[in-house]
C-alpha atoms as a PDB file:
ATOM      1  CA  MET A   1       8.148 -28.824  14.219  1.00  0.00           C
ATOM      2  CA  SER A   2       7.619 -25.278  14.348  1.00  0.00           C
ATOM      3  CA  ASP A   3       9.446 -22.816  17.356  1.00  0.00           C
ATOM      4  CA  THR A   4       5.616 -20.889  17.258  1.00  0.00           C
ATOM      5  CA  ALA A   5       2.710 -22.234  18.717  1.00  0.00           C
ATOM      6  CA  LEU A   6       0.606 -19.358  17.858  1.00  0.00           C
ATOM      7  CA  GLU A   7       0.659 -16.293  16.057  1.00  0.00           C
ATOM      8  CA  ALA A   8      -1.597 -13.480  15.230  1.00  0.00           C
ATOM      9  CA  THR A   9      -1.158 -10.630  13.104  1.00  0.00           C
ATOM     10  CA  GLY A  10      -4.216  -8.015  12.806  1.00  0.00           C
ATOM     11  CA  LEU A  11      -6.556 -10.970  13.998  1.00  0.00           C
ATOM     12  CA  GLY A  12     -10.263 -10.276  14.184  1.00  0.00           C
ATOM     13  CA  LYS A  13     -13.448 -11.658  14.462  1.00  0.00           C
ATOM     14  CA  ARG A  14     -16.778 -10.655  13.884  1.00  0.00           C
ATOM     15  CA  PHE A  15     -20.461 -12.731  14.428  1.00  0.00           C
ATOM     16  CA  GLY A  16     -22.426 -11.831  11.679  1.00  0.00           C
ATOM     17  CA  ARG A  17     -22.001  -9.043   8.692  1.00  0.00           C
ATOM     18  CA  ARG A  18     -23.348  -6.128  11.128  1.00  0.00           C
ATOM     19  CA  GLY A  19     -22.668  -8.112  14.461  1.00  0.00           C
ATOM     20  CA  ALA A  20     -20.239  -6.884  17.384  1.00  0.00           C
ATOM     21  CA  TRP A  21     -16.476  -7.972  17.113  1.00  0.00           C
ATOM     22  CA  ALA A  22     -15.486 -10.408  19.614  1.00  0.00           C
ATOM     23  CA  LEU A  23     -11.821  -9.995  18.761  1.00  0.00           C
ATOM     24  CA  ARG A  24     -10.452  -6.954  16.830  1.00  0.00           C
ATOM     25  CA  ASP A  25      -6.568  -6.200  16.062  1.00  0.00           C
ATOM     26  CA  CYS A  26      -4.878  -8.762  18.120  1.00  0.00           C
ATOM     27  CA  ALA A  27      -1.505  -9.635  17.643  1.00  0.00           C
ATOM     28  CA  PHE A  28       1.158 -11.526  19.410  1.00  0.00           C
ATOM     29  CA  ARG A  29       3.281 -14.758  19.442  1.00  0.00           C
ATOM     30  CA  LEU A  30       3.429 -17.857  21.668  1.00  0.00           C
ATOM     31  CA  PRO A  31       6.494 -19.744  21.376  1.00  0.00           C
ATOM     32  CA  ALA A  32       6.437 -23.707  21.430  1.00  0.00           C
ATOM     33  CA  GLY A  33       6.776 -25.483  24.610  1.00  0.00           C
ATOM     34  CA  ARG A  34       4.848 -23.055  26.793  1.00  0.00           C
ATOM     35  CA  VAL A  35       2.108 -23.169  29.589  1.00  0.00           C
ATOM     36  CA  CYS A  36       0.014 -20.224  28.693  1.00  0.00           C
ATOM     37  CA  ALA A  37      -2.685 -18.403  30.601  1.00  0.00           C
ATOM     38  CA  VAL A  38      -5.344 -16.507  28.909  1.00  0.00           C
ATOM     39  CA  VAL A  39      -7.405 -14.731  30.993  1.00  0.00           C
ATOM     40  CA  GLY A  40      -9.841 -11.796  30.900  1.00  0.00           C
ATOM     41  CA  PRO A  41     -13.695 -11.230  32.106  1.00  0.00           C
ATOM     42  CA  ASN A  42     -16.627 -13.018  30.494  1.00  0.00           C
ATOM     43  CA  GLY A  43     -17.459 -11.772  26.982  1.00  0.00           C
ATOM     44  CA  ALA A  44     -14.090 -10.752  26.532  1.00  0.00           C
ATOM     45  CA  GLY A  45     -12.849 -12.787  23.532  1.00  0.00           C
ATOM     46  CA  LYS A  46     -10.897 -15.706  25.207  1.00  0.00           C
ATOM     47  CA  SER A  47     -13.351 -18.454  23.874  1.00  0.00           C
ATOM     48  CA  THR A  48     -13.209 -16.966  20.618  1.00  0.00           C
ATOM     49  CA  LEU A  49      -9.506 -16.750  20.510  1.00  0.00           C
ATOM     50  CA  LEU A  50      -9.370 -20.709  21.343  1.00  0.00           C
ATOM     51  CA  ALA A  51     -11.911 -21.550  18.894  1.00  0.00           C
ATOM     52  CA  LEU A  52      -9.700 -20.022  16.309  1.00  0.00           C
ATOM     53  CA  ALA A  53      -6.774 -21.464  17.227  1.00  0.00           C
ATOM     54  CA  ALA A  54      -8.763 -24.863  16.863  1.00  0.00           C
ATOM     55  CA  GLY A  55      -9.906 -24.084  13.622  1.00  0.00           C
ATOM     56  CA  LEU A  56     -13.238 -24.013  14.501  1.00  0.00           C
ATOM     57  CA  LEU A  57     -13.998 -20.523  13.699  1.00  0.00           C
ATOM     58  CA  THR A  58     -12.370 -18.698  10.654  1.00  0.00           C
ATOM     59  CA  PRO A  59     -10.889 -15.226  11.357  1.00  0.00           C
ATOM     60  CA  THR A  60     -12.829 -11.993   9.883  1.00  0.00           C
ATOM     61  CA  GLU A  61      -9.862 -10.219   9.555  1.00  0.00           C
ATOM     62  CA  GLY A  62      -6.047 -10.878   9.592  1.00  0.00           C
ATOM     63  CA  ARG A  63      -4.067 -14.015  10.472  1.00  0.00           C
ATOM     64  CA  LEU A  64      -3.540 -16.687  12.555  1.00  0.00           C
ATOM     65  CA  THR A  65      -1.164 -19.377  12.410  1.00  0.00           C
ATOM     66  CA  VAL A  66      -0.954 -22.556  14.506  1.00  0.00           C
ATOM     67  CA  LEU A  67       2.170 -24.881  14.682  1.00  0.00           C
ATOM     68  CA  GLY A  68       3.408 -22.849  11.551  1.00  0.00           C
ATOM     69  CA  ASP A  69       0.495 -23.790   9.668  1.00  0.00           C
ATOM     70  CA  ALA A  70      -3.300 -22.777   9.096  1.00  0.00           C
ATOM     71  CA  PRO A  71      -5.789 -23.677  11.717  1.00  0.00           C
ATOM     72  CA  ALA A  72      -7.525 -26.371  10.069  1.00  0.00           C
ATOM     73  CA  ARG A  73      -4.414 -28.144   8.400  1.00  0.00           C
ATOM     74  CA  ALA A  74      -2.635 -28.320  11.805  1.00  0.00           C
ATOM     75  CA  ARG A  75      -5.688 -30.013  13.275  1.00  0.00           C
ATOM     76  CA  ALA A  76      -4.308 -33.482  13.860  1.00  0.00           C
ATOM     77  CA  ARG A  77      -1.581 -32.005  15.902  1.00  0.00           C
ATOM     78  CA  VAL A  78      -4.036 -30.056  18.308  1.00  0.00           C
ATOM     79  CA  GLY A  79      -6.271 -31.220  21.260  1.00  0.00           C
ATOM     80  CA  CYS A  80      -8.893 -29.264  22.319  1.00  0.00           C
ATOM     81  CA  ILE A  81     -11.286 -29.284  25.379  1.00  0.00           C
ATOM     82  CA  ALA A  82     -14.169 -27.067  25.033  1.00  0.00           C
ATOM     83  CA  GLN A  83     -15.910 -25.683  27.831  1.00  0.00           C
ATOM     84  CA  ASP A  84     -18.685 -28.027  27.692  1.00  0.00           C
ATOM     85  CA  LYS A  85     -16.910 -30.943  27.296  1.00  0.00           C
ATOM     86  CA  PRO A  86     -18.595 -32.543  24.055  1.00  0.00           C
ATOM     87  CA  LEU A  87     -18.338 -36.525  24.662  1.00  0.00           C
ATOM     88  CA  TYR A  88     -20.963 -39.418  23.398  1.00  0.00           C
ATOM     89  CA  PRO A  89     -23.486 -39.564  26.315  1.00  0.00           C
ATOM     90  CA  GLN A  90     -24.374 -43.293  25.316  1.00  0.00           C
ATOM     91  CA  LEU A  91     -20.665 -44.322  25.147  1.00  0.00           C
ATOM     92  CA  THR A  92     -18.703 -46.009  27.979  1.00  0.00           C
ATOM     93  CA  VAL A  93     -15.707 -45.029  29.416  1.00  0.00           C
ATOM     94  CA  ALA A  94     -13.774 -47.507  28.069  1.00  0.00           C
ATOM     95  CA  GLU A  95     -15.563 -47.037  24.547  1.00  0.00           C
ATOM     96  CA  THR A  96     -14.831 -43.321  24.780  1.00  0.00           C
ATOM     97  CA  LEU A  97     -11.026 -43.995  25.086  1.00  0.00           C
ATOM     98  CA  ARG A  98     -11.354 -46.913  22.211  1.00  0.00           C
ATOM     99  CA  MET A  99     -12.608 -43.928  20.023  1.00  0.00           C
ATOM    100  CA  GLY A 100      -9.846 -41.947  20.706  1.00  0.00           C
ATOM    101  CA  ALA A 101      -7.584 -45.012  19.666  1.00  0.00           C
ATOM    102  CA  ASP A 102      -9.636 -45.450  16.171  1.00  0.00           C
ATOM    103  CA  LEU A 103      -9.556 -41.875  15.468  1.00  0.00           C
ATOM    104  CA  ASN A 104      -5.576 -41.209  16.126  1.00  0.00           C
ATOM    105  CA  PRO A 105      -4.134 -44.733  15.086  1.00  0.00           C
ATOM    106  CA  GLU A 106      -0.592 -43.560  14.646  1.00  0.00           C
ATOM    107  CA  ARG A 107      -0.382 -41.089  17.769  1.00  0.00           C
ATOM    108  CA  TRP A 108      -2.595 -42.475  20.487  1.00  0.00           C
ATOM    109  CA  ASP A 109      -1.185 -42.824  24.185  1.00  0.00           C
ATOM    110  CA  ALA A 110      -2.952 -45.591  25.630  1.00  0.00           C
ATOM    111  CA  PRO A 111      -0.883 -45.447  28.642  1.00  0.00           C
ATOM    112  CA  THR A 112      -1.527 -41.746  29.419  1.00  0.00           C
ATOM    113  CA  ALA A 113      -5.372 -41.691  28.674  1.00  0.00           C
ATOM    114  CA  GLU A 114      -5.867 -45.028  30.750  1.00  0.00           C
ATOM    115  CA  GLN A 115      -3.775 -43.391  33.883  1.00  0.00           C
ATOM    116  CA  VAL A 116      -5.728 -39.954  33.541  1.00  0.00           C
ATOM    117  CA  VAL A 117      -8.814 -42.080  34.037  1.00  0.00           C
ATOM    118  CA  ALA A 118      -7.721 -44.651  36.312  1.00  0.00           C
ATOM    119  CA  SER A 119      -6.526 -41.921  38.868  1.00  0.00           C
ATOM    120  CA  GLY A 120      -9.819 -40.513  39.076  1.00  0.00           C
ATOM    121  CA  ASP A 121     -11.482 -43.890  40.253  1.00  0.00           C
ATOM    122  CA  LEU A 122     -13.480 -44.238  37.317  1.00  0.00           C
ATOM    123  CA  ASP A 123     -15.315 -47.622  36.243  1.00  0.00           C
ATOM    124  CA  PRO A 124     -14.444 -48.105  32.596  1.00  0.00           C
ATOM    125  CA  ARG A 125     -17.684 -49.644  32.243  1.00  0.00           C
ATOM    126  CA  SER A 126     -19.612 -46.425  33.260  1.00  0.00           C
ATOM    127  CA  ARG A 127     -21.486 -44.575  30.663  1.00  0.00           C
ATOM    128  CA  ILE A 128     -20.563 -40.881  29.995  1.00  0.00           C
ATOM    129  CA  ARG A 129     -24.193 -39.514  30.520  1.00  0.00           C
ATOM    130  CA  SER A 130     -24.122 -41.098  34.232  1.00  0.00           C
ATOM    131  CA  LEU A 131     -20.721 -39.420  35.133  1.00  0.00           C
ATOM    132  CA  SER A 132     -20.601 -35.842  37.052  1.00  0.00           C
ATOM    133  CA  GLY A 133     -19.245 -32.793  35.560  1.00  0.00           C
ATOM    134  CA  GLY A 134     -15.743 -33.476  36.798  1.00  0.00           C
ATOM    135  CA  GLN A 135     -15.641 -37.011  35.987  1.00  0.00           C
ATOM    136  CA  ARG A 136     -16.306 -35.937  32.309  1.00  0.00           C
ATOM    137  CA  THR A 137     -13.615 -32.983  32.513  1.00  0.00           C
ATOM    138  CA  ARG A 138     -11.389 -36.231  33.511  1.00  0.00           C
ATOM    139  CA  VAL A 139     -12.268 -38.232  30.480  1.00  0.00           C
ATOM    140  CA  ALA A 140     -11.759 -35.298  28.018  1.00  0.00           C
ATOM    141  CA  ILE A 141      -8.459 -34.474  29.341  1.00  0.00           C
ATOM    142  CA  ALA A 142      -7.659 -38.236  29.013  1.00  0.00           C
ATOM    143  CA  LEU A 143      -9.021 -38.207  25.422  1.00  0.00           C
ATOM    144  CA  ALA A 144      -7.012 -34.989  24.526  1.00  0.00           C
ATOM    145  CA  LEU A 145      -3.362 -36.048  26.135  1.00  0.00           C
ATOM    146  CA  GLY A 146      -3.814 -39.566  24.464  1.00  0.00           C
ATOM    147  CA  LYS A 147      -3.971 -38.011  21.398  1.00  0.00           C
ATOM    148  CA  ARG A 148      -0.442 -36.745  22.027  1.00  0.00           C
ATOM    149  CA  PRO A 149      -0.968 -33.397  20.472  1.00  0.00           C
ATOM    150  CA  GLU A 150       1.768 -30.519  20.139  1.00  0.00           C
ATOM    151  CA  LEU A 151      -0.788 -27.664  21.396  1.00  0.00           C
ATOM    152  CA  LEU A 152      -3.457 -28.266  23.561  1.00  0.00           C
ATOM    153  CA  LEU A 153      -6.265 -25.817  24.105  1.00  0.00           C
ATOM    154  CA  MET A 154      -8.332 -25.909  27.235  1.00  0.00           C
ATOM    155  CA  ASP A 155     -11.458 -23.562  27.740  1.00  0.00           C
ATOM    156  CA  GLU A 156     -12.006 -23.264  31.396  1.00  0.00           C
ATOM    157  CA  PRO A 157     -11.213 -26.793  31.829  1.00  0.00           C
ATOM    158  CA  MET A 158     -11.200 -26.950  35.821  1.00  0.00           C
ATOM    159  CA  ALA A 159     -14.174 -25.159  36.526  1.00  0.00           C
ATOM    160  CA  ASP A 160     -16.289 -28.225  37.576  1.00  0.00           C
ATOM    161  CA  LEU A 161     -13.389 -30.076  39.436  1.00  0.00           C
ATOM    162  CA  ASP A 162     -12.977 -29.976  43.193  1.00  0.00           C
ATOM    163  CA  PRO A 163      -9.767 -28.593  44.653  1.00  0.00           C
ATOM    164  CA  LEU A 164      -7.981 -31.958  44.808  1.00  0.00           C
ATOM    165  CA  ALA A 165      -9.045 -32.956  41.557  1.00  0.00           C
ATOM    166  CA  ARG A 166      -7.823 -29.594  39.777  1.00  0.00           C
ATOM    167  CA  HIS A 167      -4.452 -29.938  41.802  1.00  0.00           C
ATOM    168  CA  GLU A 168      -3.939 -34.053  40.873  1.00  0.00           C
ATOM    169  CA  LEU A 169      -4.753 -32.758  37.143  1.00  0.00           C
ATOM    170  CA  MET A 170      -2.930 -29.810  36.872  1.00  0.00           C
ATOM    171  CA  GLY A 171       0.086 -31.677  38.038  1.00  0.00           C
ATOM    172  CA  THR A 172      -0.708 -34.469  35.152  1.00  0.00           C
ATOM    173  CA  LEU A 173      -0.347 -31.145  32.659  1.00  0.00           C
ATOM    174  CA  MET A 174       2.525 -29.838  33.876  1.00  0.00           C
ATOM    175  CA  ALA A 175       4.348 -33.332  33.798  1.00  0.00           C
ATOM    176  CA  ASP A 176       3.220 -33.733  30.398  1.00  0.00           C
ATOM    177  CA  ALA A 177       4.224 -30.783  29.030  1.00  0.00           C
ATOM    178  CA  ALA A 178       7.529 -31.096  30.599  1.00  0.00           C
ATOM    179  CA  GLN A 179       8.200 -34.634  29.268  1.00  0.00           C
ATOM    180  CA  HIS A 180       6.795 -34.216  25.902  1.00  0.00           C
ATOM    181  CA  GLY A 181       7.205 -30.565  25.430  1.00  0.00           C
ATOM    182  CA  THR A 182       3.380 -29.993  24.771  1.00  0.00           C
ATOM    183  CA  THR A 183       2.580 -26.351  24.590  1.00  0.00           C
ATOM    184  CA  ILE A 184      -0.325 -25.722  26.783  1.00  0.00           C
ATOM    185  CA  VAL A 185      -3.105 -23.039  26.302  1.00  0.00           C
ATOM    186  CA  MET A 186      -5.830 -22.769  28.954  1.00  0.00           C
ATOM    187  CA  SER A 187      -8.092 -19.943  29.965  1.00  0.00           C
ATOM    188  CA  SER A 188      -9.567 -19.488  33.079  1.00  0.00           C
ATOM    189  CA  HIS A 189     -11.051 -16.875  35.287  1.00  0.00           C
ATOM    190  CA  VAL A 190      -9.026 -17.778  38.267  1.00  0.00           C
ATOM    191  CA  VAL A 191      -5.935 -15.973  38.004  1.00  0.00           C
ATOM    192  CA  ALA A 192      -4.278 -17.534  41.280  1.00  0.00           C
ATOM    193  CA  GLU A 193      -4.933 -21.471  39.884  1.00  0.00           C
ATOM    194  CA  LEU A 194      -2.724 -20.458  37.026  1.00  0.00           C
ATOM    195  CA  GLU A 195      -0.290 -18.418  38.508  1.00  0.00           C
ATOM    196  CA  ASP A 196       2.210 -21.296  40.049  1.00  0.00           C
ATOM    197  CA  SER A 197       1.780 -23.319  36.578  1.00  0.00           C
ATOM    198  CA  CYS A 198       1.882 -21.013  33.662  1.00  0.00           C
ATOM    199  CA  ASP A 199       4.759 -19.022  32.442  1.00  0.00           C
ATOM    200  CA  HIS A 200       3.215 -17.275  29.431  1.00  0.00           C
ATOM    201  CA  LEU A 201       0.232 -14.611  29.817  1.00  0.00           C
ATOM    202  CA  LEU A 202      -2.348 -13.688  27.112  1.00  0.00           C
ATOM    203  CA  LEU A 203      -4.673 -10.934  28.737  1.00  0.00           C
ATOM    204  CA  VAL A 204      -7.926 -10.399  26.557  1.00  0.00           C
ATOM    205  CA  GLY A 205      -9.892  -7.262  27.353  1.00  0.00           C
ATOM    206  CA  ASP A 206     -12.762  -5.961  25.445  1.00  0.00           C
ATOM    207  CA  GLY A 207     -11.752  -7.954  22.420  1.00  0.00           C
ATOM    208  CA  ARG A 208      -8.115  -6.987  22.474  1.00  0.00           C
ATOM    209  CA  ILE A 209      -4.852  -8.324  23.464  1.00  0.00           C
ATOM    210  CA  ARG A 210      -3.677  -6.137  26.671  1.00  0.00           C
ATOM    211  CA  LEU A 211      -0.634  -7.723  27.684  1.00  0.00           C
ATOM    212  CA  ALA A 212       1.248 -10.807  25.979  1.00  0.00           C
ATOM    213  CA  GLY A 213       4.560 -12.512  26.818  1.00  0.00           C
ATOM    214  CA  GLU A 214       6.642 -14.319  29.621  1.00  0.00           C
ATOM    215  CA  ILE A 215       4.876 -13.434  33.040  1.00  0.00           C
ATOM    216  CA  ASP A 216       8.506 -13.048  34.602  1.00  0.00           C
ATOM    217  CA  ASP A 217       9.310 -10.332  31.796  1.00  0.00           C
ATOM    218  CA  LEU A 218       5.607  -8.718  32.261  1.00  0.00           C
ATOM    219  CA  LEU A 219       6.056  -8.701  35.852  1.00  0.00           C
ATOM    220  CA  ALA A 220       9.437  -7.165  35.977  1.00  0.00           C
ATOM    221  CA  ALA A 221       8.310  -4.288  33.388  1.00  0.00           C
ATOM    222  CA  HIS A 222       5.671  -3.068  36.003  1.00  0.00           C
ATOM    223  CA  LEU A 223       6.182  -1.931  39.715  1.00  0.00           C
ATOM    224  CA  ARG A 224       3.583  -1.288  42.403  1.00  0.00           C
ATOM    225  CA  ILE A 225       4.667   2.036  44.541  1.00  0.00           C
ATOM    226  CA  SER A 226       3.686   3.886  47.332  1.00  0.00           C
ATOM    227  CA  GLY A 227       3.963   7.331  48.768  1.00  0.00           C
ATOM    228  CA  ALA A 228       2.910  10.906  49.688  1.00  0.00           C
ATOM    229  CA  ALA A 229       0.426  11.850  47.269  1.00  0.00           C
ATOM    230  CA  ASP A 230       1.222  15.559  47.279  1.00  0.00           C
ATOM    231  CA  SER A 231       4.994  15.194  46.399  1.00  0.00           C
ATOM    232  CA  THR A 232       4.509  12.072  44.051  1.00  0.00           C
ATOM    233  CA  ASP A 233       4.966  12.919  40.251  1.00  0.00           C
ATOM    234  CA  LEU A 234       4.507  10.146  37.923  1.00  0.00           C
ATOM    235  CA  GLY A 235       4.493  12.287  34.758  1.00  0.00           C
ATOM    236  CA  ALA A 236       7.474  10.280  33.284  1.00  0.00           C
ATOM    237  CA  HIS A 237       5.908   6.636  33.556  1.00  0.00           C
ATOM    238  CA  THR A 238       3.387   5.007  32.636  1.00  0.00           C
ATOM    239  CA  VAL A 239       0.527   4.853  35.028  1.00  0.00           C
ATOM    240  CA  VAL A 240      -1.610   1.537  34.406  1.00  0.00           C
ATOM    241  CA  GLU A 241      -3.589   2.500  37.782  1.00  0.00           C
ATOM    242  CA  SER A 242      -3.565   5.048  40.778  1.00  0.00           C
ATOM    243  CA  ARG A 243      -5.199   5.377  43.713  1.00  0.00           C
ATOM    244  CA  VAL A 244      -5.371   8.053  46.653  1.00  0.00           C
ATOM    245  CA  THR A 245      -6.308   7.345  50.206  1.00  0.00           C
ATOM    246  CA  GLY A 246      -6.384  10.366  52.429  1.00  0.00           C
ATOM    247  CA  ARG A 247      -2.646  11.467  51.515  1.00  0.00           C
ATOM    248  CA  GLN A 248      -1.374   8.238  50.528  1.00  0.00           C
ATOM    249  CA  LEU A 249      -0.955   7.326  46.793  1.00  0.00           C
ATOM    250  CA  THR A 250      -0.762   3.878  45.564  1.00  0.00           C
ATOM    251  CA  ALA A 251       0.161   3.187  41.698  1.00  0.00           C
ATOM    252  CA  LEU A 252       0.884   0.188  39.450  1.00  0.00           C
ATOM    253  CA  ILE A 253       3.148   1.873  36.633  1.00  0.00           C
ATOM    254  CA  ARG A 254       5.638   0.850  34.310  1.00  0.00           C
ATOM    255  CA  PRO A 255       8.657   2.720  34.827  1.00  0.00           C
ATOM    256  CA  SER A 256      10.664   4.785  32.104  1.00  0.00           C
ATOM    257  CA  GLY A 257      13.478   6.331  34.533  1.00  0.00           C
ATOM    258  CA  PRO A 258      14.509   7.531  37.768  1.00  0.00           C
ATOM    259  CA  LEU A 259      11.617   6.956  40.096  1.00  0.00           C
ATOM    260  CA  PRO A 260      10.840  10.048  42.931  1.00  0.00           C
ATOM    261  CA  ALA A 261      12.753   9.771  46.011  1.00  0.00           C
ATOM    262  CA  GLY A 262      11.138   8.326  48.990  1.00  0.00           C
ATOM    263  CA  LEU A 263       8.716   5.949  47.187  1.00  0.00           C
ATOM    264  CA  ARG A 264       8.213   2.399  48.467  1.00  0.00           C
ATOM    265  CA  THR A 265       8.208  -0.241  45.550  1.00  0.00           C
ATOM    266  CA  SER A 266       7.831  -3.483  44.785  1.00  0.00           C
ATOM    267  CA  VAL A 267       6.890  -6.451  42.440  1.00  0.00           C
ATOM    268  CA  PRO A 268       3.451  -7.013  41.317  1.00  0.00           C
ATOM    269  CA  SER A 269       1.890 -10.430  41.891  1.00  0.00           C
ATOM    270  CA  LEU A 270       0.190 -11.625  38.514  1.00  0.00           C
ATOM    271  CA  GLU A 271      -3.251 -11.267  39.971  1.00  0.00           C
ATOM    272  CA  GLU A 272      -2.767  -7.750  40.955  1.00  0.00           C
ATOM    273  CA  LEU A 273      -1.358  -7.010  37.467  1.00  0.00           C
ATOM    274  CA  VAL A 274      -4.001  -8.531  35.735  1.00  0.00           C
ATOM    275  CA  LEU A 275      -6.853  -6.804  38.030  1.00  0.00           C
ATOM    276  CA  ALA A 276      -5.430  -3.344  37.082  1.00  0.00           C
ATOM    277  CA  HIS A 277      -4.906  -3.598  33.775  1.00  0.00           C
ATOM    278  CA  LEU A 278      -8.981  -4.795  33.404  1.00  0.00           C
ATOM    279  CA  ARG A 279      -9.907  -1.965  35.681  1.00  0.00           C
ATOM    280  CA  ASN A 280      -8.544   0.546  33.528  1.00  0.00           C
ATOM    281  CA  PRO A 281      -9.347  -0.352  30.014  1.00  0.00           C
ATOM    282  CA  THR A 282      -7.370   2.941  28.336  1.00  0.00           C
ATOM    283  CA  ALA A 283      -3.809   1.503  29.916  1.00  0.00           C
ATOM    284  CA  PRO A 284      -1.603   0.999  27.164  1.00  0.00           C
ATOM    285  CA  SER A 285      -1.193  -2.637  26.073  1.00  0.00           C
ATOM    286  CA  LEU A 286       1.993  -4.465  26.374  1.00  0.00           C
ATOM    287  CA  SER A 287       3.625  -7.455  24.776  1.00  0.00           C
ATOM    288  CA  ALA A 288       6.762  -8.548  26.416  1.00  0.00           C
ATOM    289  CA  THR A 289       8.961  -7.508  23.474  1.00  0.00           C
ATOM    290  CA  GLU A 290       8.323  -4.116  24.505  1.00  0.00           C
ATOM    291  CA  ALA A 291       9.273  -4.834  28.021  1.00  0.00           C
ATOM    292  CA  THR A 292      12.802  -4.433  27.601  1.00  0.00           C
ATOM    293  CA  PRO A 293      15.675  -4.879  29.948  1.00  0.00           C
ATOM    294  CA  GLN A 294      15.897  -1.330  30.390  1.00  0.00           C
ATOM    295  CA  GLU A 295      12.372  -1.002  31.709  1.00  0.00           C
ATOM    296  CA  SER A 296      12.415  -3.717  33.893  1.00  0.00           C
ATOM    297  CA  ALA A 297      15.499  -2.594  35.552  1.00  0.00           C
ATOM    298  CA  ALA A 298      14.180   0.986  35.840  1.00  0.00           C
END
């Protein structure tokens, strides 16, 4: 097994010879065994990135490796749940799981797949077309986990689930990651629902990777500061976002040396970090390898 789940170098994807770039000049490394949140606004390139990793699209430029191999050759070891949860509507739930077993005879984990379905009180005789969106999501997750993938890619997987089902299925995914070492990569618009579950972040904005790395390292490399606007000089530091209200300055910065005296400081939340970078597209990008201990301790 490779110690790297995903690695991109100069990765770009353009649709059509003269179309706009969905992704451009993306570089990151995701170690195996992580639970990674892919976040960003609509149209940022999240779905394109996941489709490239699944081998459903080919890059226009650059390189992407999956589990140390080309995406197409790694496909048997990868599970993928797309936004539209493509399932055969005429099949029953039981027939869908039997299909999964037939397609994955050497790796199929029937107890896990059946448990995911059973925990949602689904009738195995129900046809897929009769299920709600949340129930189809549950069947799709059962299929993906039953495949026993080394890498599980999930594009907005929880969007049509109620809060209770979302919490329960996130728990199932986290338990699977812990037990089997599965690398999970999931995109979402709701940063708060990922903060307690994910340990790695890819922030995609305008088709580029804005932040990449362990969440704890990225948070430690930033500070929220506040102080008097007329006496605070942040020229020596990287300012991600700042605003002045009356005489009060608040900012999110990446410190690079001693801070001015009299500032109040705190570590930002993941949501504050993400929103600050998205609100300021000109803020310099950061990977975890650049978040050195010196920066984090500053």
